[in-house]
């Protein structure tokens, strides 16, 4: 089944004005498609950078251990009792 072509109600617009309007719409549509594709690329790039940051954060972290000593293990300077 073949569809009928769409009809444009142009009222007081000339054919040239309609063509110009259609060209602007087509240009805007193509620019929108390009912007949406760019956004997807940027989202993927951001995901890649976030993954790299996570990996580098993990690999660059320092694991510090401190030896906890009770008061009997403290070494105080020797004092002479008079």
Protein backbone atom coordinates (compact mmCIF):
# COMPACT_ATOMS: atom_id res chain seq x y z
CA UNK A 1 0.00 0.00 0.00
CA UNK A 2 1.47 3.29 -1.09
CA UNK A 3 1.13 6.33 1.15
CA UNK A 4 0.15 9.73 -0.12
CA UNK A 5 2.78 12.45 0.10
CA UNK A 6 2.36 14.89 2.98
CA UNK A 7 0.64 18.16 2.24
CA UNK A 8 1.86 21.53 3.50
CA UNK A 9 -0.70 24.23 4.10
CA UNK A 10 1.29 27.26 3.07
CA UNK A 11 -1.41 29.89 3.12
CA UNK A 12 0.38 33.11 2.08
CA UNK A 13 3.93 31.68 1.70
CA UNK A 14 5.59 31.46 -1.69
CA UNK A 15 7.15 28.25 -2.96
CA UNK A 16 10.61 29.76 -2.44
CA UNK A 17 9.77 30.66 1.18
CA UNK A 18 8.56 27.11 1.79
CA UNK A 19 11.75 25.65 0.27
CA UNK A 20 13.90 27.99 2.38
CA UNK A 21 11.95 26.98 5.50
CA UNK A 22 12.37 23.28 4.63
CA UNK A 23 16.12 23.74 4.04
CA UNK A 24 16.48 25.37 7.48
CA UNK A 25 14.56 22.52 9.09
CA UNK A 26 16.71 19.91 7.33
CA UNK A 27 19.92 21.74 8.32
CA UNK A 28 18.76 21.99 11.95
CA UNK A 29 17.83 18.30 11.94
CA UNK A 30 21.27 17.30 10.63
CA UNK A 31 22.97 19.53 13.19
CA UNK A 32 20.87 17.94 15.94
CA UNK A 33 21.88 14.45 14.74
CA UNK A 34 25.55 15.50 14.80
CA UNK A 35 25.22 17.00 18.30
CA UNK A 36 23.52 13.85 19.61
CA UNK A 37 26.27 11.67 18.12
CA UNK A 38 28.94 13.94 19.62
CA UNK A 39 27.25 13.71 23.02
CA UNK A 40 27.37 9.90 22.84
CA UNK A 41 31.07 10.03 22.00
CA UNK A 42 31.71 12.42 24.88
CA UNK A 43 29.72 10.23 27.28
CA UNK A 44 31.85 7.24 26.28
CA UNK A 45 35.03 9.31 26.62
CA UNK A 46 33.92 10.44 30.09
CA UNK A 47 33.20 6.84 31.10
CA UNK A 48 36.69 5.87 29.88
CA UNK A 49 38.31 8.70 31.87
CA UNK A 50 36.33 7.79 35.00
CA UNK A 51 37.47 4.17 34.68
CA UNK A 52 41.07 5.31 34.26
CA UNK A 53 40.76 7.55 37.32
CA UNK A 54 39.39 4.65 39.37
CA UNK A 55 42.24 2.39 38.26
CA UNK A 56 44.88 5.04 38.90
CA UNK A 57 43.38 5.95 42.26
CA UNK A 58 43.60 2.33 43.30
CA UNK A 59 47.12 1.80 41.97
CA UNK A 60 48.47 5.05 43.43
CA UNK A 61 47.00 4.65 46.90
CA UNK A 62 49.42 4.21 49.78
CA UNK A 63 48.72 1.64 52.42
CA UNK A 64 50.16 2.92 55.66
CA UNK A 65 50.35 0.81 58.76
CA UNK A 66 51.13 2.32 62.10
CA UNK A 67 52.47 0.35 65.01
CA UNK A 68 50.33 1.04 68.03
CA UNK A 69 52.28 0.78 71.25
CA UNK A 70 50.99 0.76 74.80
CA UNK A 71 52.53 2.99 77.49
CA UNK A 72 54.90 0.24 78.64
CA UNK A 73 56.59 0.20 75.28
CA UNK A 74 57.38 3.89 75.20
CA UNK A 75 61.04 4.77 75.48
CA UNK A 76 61.48 7.84 77.64
CA UNK A 77 64.83 9.57 78.04
CA UNK A 78 66.80 8.33 81.06
CA UNK A 79 66.47 10.59 84.08
CA UNK A 80 68.76 10.48 87.09
CA UNK A 81 66.87 10.35 90.37
CA UNK A 82 68.63 12.45 92.99
